[in-house]
Amino acid sequence: MRRPGFTIIEVLAALALLALLVALMVGSMNTMRLRAEWVGERTARQRDVSVAIDRLATALRTTMVEVPTIGAGIAGDADRVAVLTRTASLGRDAAGDVARFELAADADARTIAARWGPAFGTNGTAEHPIASNARARLRYHDGGAWRDTFDSGSAGQLPRAVELSVWFGVQPTGESDVASAEPAYPEREPDRRRVIAITDADGGA
């Protein structure tokens, strides 16, 4: 008569099945954690980018073609824009009380940052990070077409509009995907796009 119980093979099979189930559960929990972190980071980046866009829009609404002794009111390319903005009610040729706002995207570091402070000197112009694992592209409408660069001093006028497009990193699905979650730029539609019209582009000086 056989004694009741489990054979060593049955015990090993049960342990192997248990280990497999634990591994699947841990992997699933890890994926859920990564996705939750990604959603939280994306929400924070969306908020910070919205603040930066609002600051850029405010600066563009109070800029001028050129400020004597300082330079162009708007000067930028696809990765960076610097805007001189009035901080008080000034005459057209006034150079005092002028601040500078800069928005810059570093394609290699995949970061977006901003600076704002006095137009002269570097005091108060510390860099403020806005988003990591992100790309941004700026374009300028001169009244006829979109351009990748613009200098209002050389052009003698302000652009009709400034467009800012932002791409965030793709969602990682595992630990190995975190480092490679590079934004798809510009192969897909941007996650954020804002066209800021400059109402006094014809006469702002």
Foldseek 3Di string as FASTA:
>chain_A
DDDDDDDPVVVVVVVVVVVVVVVVVVLVVQLVVLQVVVVVQVVQLVVLVVVLVVVVLQLLQFFFQAAPPQFGQWWDFFFKIKHWGAPDDDDQHDDPRIKIKMWGADQVQQWIWIFIDRSPDCPRGDIGTRHGLKGKTKWFAQPPDIHRTDTSNVVVWGTQKMKMFMFHFDRDRHPVCPVVRHTDPPPDGGPDMDIRGHPCRPPGD
